[in-house]
Amino acid sequence: MGCSFKEAEIIGSDLRGAVFDDCTFAADIKSTKMSSVDLRGSDLSGLSGLAPLHGTQVTELQLRQLSEVMIRDLDLTITELPL
């Protein structure tokens, strides 16, 4: 059983070098220092804000979750190119 950061605000914290194993993140991580954090094995789909993740360790599978966070946070519209 992992940890859960659902509906949490982690603002202005220093988590550098921390390891989060099997955690669920649905948190706002504004102004949080997270370089060298190991997030492998955690669910990142509920994160808000990606800038603090600079330098963290993630898996290839987590990249899909992070792309969904980016699309949501930046309010991007994905469209097809005309043929």
N, C-alpha and C. Protein backbone atom coordinates (compact mmCIF):
# COMPACT_ATOMS: atom_id res chain seq x y z
N MET A 1 0.85 -1.18 0.00
CA MET A 1 0.00 0.00 0.00
C MET A 1 0.89 1.24 0.00
N GLY A 2 0.66 2.16 -0.90
CA GLY A 2 1.47 3.34 -1.01
C GLY A 2 0.91 4.50 -0.22
N CYS A 3 1.29 5.67 -0.65
CA CYS A 3 0.80 6.88 0.01
C CYS A 3 -0.13 7.63 -0.94
N SER A 4 -0.89 8.54 -0.40
CA SER A 4 -1.85 9.28 -1.20
C SER A 4 -1.73 10.76 -0.91
N PHE A 5 -1.60 11.54 -1.98
CA PHE A 5 -1.60 12.99 -1.90
C PHE A 5 -2.77 13.51 -2.72
N LYS A 6 -3.96 13.08 -2.38
CA LYS A 6 -5.16 13.51 -3.09
C LYS A 6 -5.70 14.76 -2.43
N GLU A 7 -6.09 15.71 -3.28
CA GLU A 7 -6.63 16.99 -2.82
C GLU A 7 -5.67 17.69 -1.86
N ALA A 8 -4.39 17.53 -2.10
CA ALA A 8 -3.37 18.14 -1.25
C ALA A 8 -2.75 19.34 -1.95
N GLU A 9 -2.18 20.22 -1.17
CA GLU A 9 -1.37 21.33 -1.68
C GLU A 9 0.00 21.21 -1.06
N ILE A 10 0.99 20.99 -1.90
CA ILE A 10 2.38 20.91 -1.45
C ILE A 10 3.05 22.15 -2.01
N ILE A 11 2.98 23.24 -1.28
CA ILE A 11 3.41 24.53 -1.79
C ILE A 11 4.61 25.04 -0.98
N GLY A 12 5.68 25.39 -1.70
CA GLY A 12 6.86 25.96 -1.07
C GLY A 12 7.64 24.96 -0.23
N SER A 13 7.51 23.67 -0.54
CA SER A 13 8.21 22.63 0.23
C SER A 13 9.52 22.26 -0.44
N ASP A 14 10.39 21.61 0.31
CA ASP A 14 11.66 21.12 -0.22
C ASP A 14 11.65 19.61 -0.12
N LEU A 15 11.40 18.94 -1.25
CA LEU A 15 11.33 17.48 -1.30
C LEU A 15 12.51 16.88 -2.06
N ARG A 16 13.55 17.67 -2.29
CA ARG A 16 14.70 17.21 -3.08
C ARG A 16 15.27 15.91 -2.52
N GLY A 17 15.46 14.94 -3.43
CA GLY A 17 16.04 13.67 -3.07
C GLY A 17 15.07 12.67 -2.46
N ALA A 18 13.81 13.02 -2.30
CA ALA A 18 12.83 12.10 -1.70
C ALA A 18 12.47 10.99 -2.68
N VAL A 19 12.04 9.87 -2.15
CA VAL A 19 11.57 8.74 -2.95
C VAL A 19 10.11 8.49 -2.57
N PHE A 20 9.24 8.52 -3.58
CA PHE A 20 7.82 8.24 -3.38
C PHE A 20 7.51 6.95 -4.14
N ASP A 21 7.28 5.87 -3.41
CA ASP A 21 7.05 4.58 -4.02
C ASP A 21 5.57 4.23 -3.93
N ASP A 22 4.94 4.01 -5.07
CA ASP A 22 3.54 3.61 -5.13
C ASP A 22 2.61 4.64 -4.50
N CYS A 23 2.84 5.91 -4.81
CA CYS A 23 2.00 6.99 -4.29
C CYS A 23 1.04 7.47 -5.36
N THR A 24 -0.07 8.04 -4.94
CA THR A 24 -1.01 8.66 -5.85
C THR A 24 -0.94 10.16 -5.62
N PHE A 25 -0.65 10.89 -6.70
CA PHE A 25 -0.55 12.34 -6.61
C PHE A 25 -1.74 12.99 -7.30
N ALA A 26 -2.53 13.71 -6.56
CA ALA A 26 -3.58 14.58 -7.09
C ALA A 26 -3.41 15.87 -6.31
N ALA A 27 -2.26 16.48 -6.50
CA ALA A 27 -1.85 17.60 -5.65
C ALA A 27 -1.37 18.78 -6.48
N ASP A 28 -1.45 19.94 -5.89
CA ASP A 28 -0.88 21.15 -6.44
C ASP A 28 0.53 21.26 -5.85
N ILE A 29 1.56 21.32 -6.69
CA ILE A 29 2.94 21.32 -6.21
C ILE A 29 3.67 22.62 -6.53
N LYS A 30 2.97 23.73 -6.45
CA LYS A 30 3.56 25.03 -6.77
C LYS A 30 4.76 25.35 -5.89
N SER A 31 5.79 25.91 -6.51
CA SER A 31 6.98 26.39 -5.80
C SER A 31 7.63 25.34 -4.91
N THR A 32 7.47 24.08 -5.24
CA THR A 32 8.06 23.00 -4.46
C THR A 32 9.34 22.54 -5.14
N LYS A 33 10.40 22.39 -4.38
CA LYS A 33 11.69 21.93 -4.91
C LYS A 33 11.66 20.41 -4.95
N MET A 34 11.76 19.85 -6.17
CA MET A 34 11.63 18.41 -6.32
C MET A 34 12.75 17.81 -7.16
N SER A 35 13.88 18.50 -7.33
CA SER A 35 14.95 17.93 -8.13
C SER A 35 15.47 16.66 -7.46
N SER A 36 15.82 15.70 -8.28
CA SER A 36 16.32 14.39 -7.84
C SER A 36 15.29 13.57 -7.06
N VAL A 37 14.01 13.92 -7.17
CA VAL A 37 12.96 13.12 -6.54
C VAL A 37 12.70 11.90 -7.42
N ASP A 38 12.48 10.76 -6.79
CA ASP A 38 12.18 9.52 -7.51
C ASP A 38 10.69 9.26 -7.40
N LEU A 39 9.98 9.42 -8.52
CA LEU A 39 8.53 9.22 -8.56
C LEU A 39 8.13 7.92 -9.25
N ARG A 40 9.13 7.11 -9.62
CA ARG A 40 8.84 5.87 -10.34
C ARG A 40 7.91 5.00 -9.51
N GLY A 41 6.87 4.46 -10.18
CA GLY A 41 5.91 3.61 -9.51
C GLY A 41 4.72 4.36 -8.94
N SER A 42 4.72 5.67 -9.08
CA SER A 42 3.62 6.48 -8.54
C SER A 42 2.68 6.92 -9.66
N ASP A 43 1.43 7.18 -9.31
CA ASP A 43 0.42 7.67 -10.24
C ASP A 43 0.50 9.20 -10.26
N LEU A 44 0.89 9.76 -11.39
CA LEU A 44 1.08 11.20 -11.51
C LEU A 44 -0.06 11.90 -12.23
N SER A 45 -1.10 11.16 -12.58
CA SER A 45 -2.15 11.70 -13.43
C SER A 45 -2.94 12.83 -12.79
N GLY A 46 -2.93 12.96 -11.50
CA GLY A 46 -3.71 14.01 -10.84
C GLY A 46 -2.90 15.22 -10.43
N LEU A 47 -1.64 15.30 -10.84
CA LEU A 47 -0.81 16.44 -10.47
C LEU A 47 -1.32 17.74 -11.08
N SER A 48 -0.98 18.83 -10.47
CA SER A 48 -1.26 20.14 -11.03
C SER A 48 0.03 20.93 -11.01
N GLY A 49 0.49 21.31 -12.19
CA GLY A 49 1.74 22.06 -12.31
C GLY A 49 2.90 21.12 -12.52
N LEU A 50 3.65 21.33 -13.59
CA LEU A 50 4.76 20.43 -13.92
C LEU A 50 6.14 21.02 -13.68
N ALA A 51 6.26 22.33 -13.61
CA ALA A 51 7.58 22.97 -13.49
C ALA A 51 8.39 22.43 -12.32
N PRO A 52 7.80 22.18 -11.15
CA PRO A 52 8.60 21.66 -10.04
C PRO A 52 9.18 20.26 -10.27
N LEU A 53 8.72 19.55 -11.30
CA LEU A 53 9.21 18.20 -11.56
C LEU A 53 10.55 18.19 -12.28
N HIS A 54 11.10 19.34 -12.58
CA HIS A 54 12.39 19.43 -13.27
C HIS A 54 13.43 18.57 -12.54
N GLY A 55 14.01 17.61 -13.23
CA GLY A 55 15.06 16.78 -12.66
C GLY A 55 14.58 15.56 -11.89
N THR A 56 13.28 15.27 -11.92
CA THR A 56 12.78 14.09 -11.21
C THR A 56 12.96 12.84 -12.07
N GLN A 57 12.85 11.68 -11.45
CA GLN A 57 12.94 10.41 -12.16
C GLN A 57 11.54 9.85 -12.37
N VAL A 58 11.21 9.55 -13.62
CA VAL A 58 9.92 8.95 -13.95
C VAL A 58 10.15 7.82 -14.93
N THR A 59 9.14 6.98 -15.11
CA THR A 59 9.23 5.88 -16.07
C THR A 59 8.58 6.31 -17.38
N GLU A 60 8.78 5.48 -18.42
CA GLU A 60 8.16 5.77 -19.71
C GLU A 60 6.64 5.76 -19.59
N LEU A 61 6.09 4.86 -18.79
CA LEU A 61 4.64 4.81 -18.62
C LEU A 61 4.10 6.08 -17.97
N GLN A 62 4.88 6.71 -17.10
CA GLN A 62 4.44 7.92 -16.45
C GLN A 62 4.43 9.11 -17.40
N LEU A 63 5.16 9.02 -18.50
CA LEU A 63 5.16 10.12 -19.47
C LEU A 63 3.76 10.35 -20.03
N ARG A 64 2.99 9.29 -20.22
CA ARG A 64 1.61 9.43 -20.70
C ARG A 64 0.79 10.22 -19.69
N GLN A 65 0.94 9.90 -18.41
CA GLN A 65 0.22 10.63 -17.36
C GLN A 65 0.63 12.10 -17.37
N LEU A 66 1.92 12.35 -17.50
CA LEU A 66 2.39 13.73 -17.48
C LEU A 66 1.93 14.51 -18.70
N SER A 67 1.80 13.82 -19.85
CA SER A 67 1.28 14.53 -21.03
C SER A 67 -0.18 14.92 -20.81
N GLU A 68 -0.94 14.07 -20.13
CA GLU A 68 -2.34 14.41 -19.81
C GLU A 68 -2.41 15.60 -18.85
N VAL A 69 -1.49 15.64 -17.89
CA VAL A 69 -1.42 16.77 -16.96
C VAL A 69 -1.09 18.05 -17.73
N MET A 70 -0.12 17.96 -18.66
CA MET A 70 0.27 19.13 -19.44
C MET A 70 -0.90 19.64 -20.27
N ILE A 71 -1.61 18.75 -20.93
CA ILE A 71 -2.76 19.14 -21.75
C ILE A 71 -3.80 19.84 -20.89
N ARG A 72 -4.08 19.29 -19.72
CA ARG A 72 -5.06 19.88 -18.81
C ARG A 72 -4.58 21.23 -18.26
N ASP A 73 -3.34 21.28 -17.75
CA ASP A 73 -2.83 22.49 -17.13
C ASP A 73 -2.69 23.66 -18.12
N LEU A 74 -2.31 23.33 -19.35
CA LEU A 74 -2.12 24.36 -20.36
C LEU A 74 -3.39 24.62 -21.18
N ASP A 75 -4.45 23.89 -20.89
CA ASP A 75 -5.71 24.00 -21.61
C ASP A 75 -5.50 23.90 -23.11
N LEU A 76 -4.72 22.88 -23.51
CA LEU A 76 -4.42 22.68 -24.92
C LEU A 76 -5.60 22.02 -25.62
N THR A 77 -5.77 22.34 -26.89
CA THR A 77 -6.77 21.69 -27.74
C THR A 77 -6.00 20.88 -28.78
N ILE A 78 -6.24 19.60 -28.81
CA ILE A 78 -5.55 18.72 -29.76
C ILE A 78 -6.43 18.59 -30.99
N THR A 79 -5.88 18.94 -32.15
CA THR A 79 -6.62 18.87 -33.40
C THR A 79 -5.82 18.07 -34.43
N GLU A 80 -6.51 17.54 -35.38
CA GLU A 80 -5.88 16.81 -36.48
C GLU A 80 -5.48 17.80 -37.56
N LEU A 81 -4.38 17.51 -38.24
CA LEU A 81 -3.98 18.34 -39.38
C LEU A 81 -4.88 18.02 -40.56
N PRO A 82 -5.26 19.05 -41.31
CA PRO A 82 -6.09 18.77 -42.51
C PRO A 82 -5.27 17.99 -43.53
N LEU A 83 -5.95 17.12 -44.25
CA LEU A 83 -5.27 16.32 -45.30
C LEU A 83 -5.10 17.08 -46.55
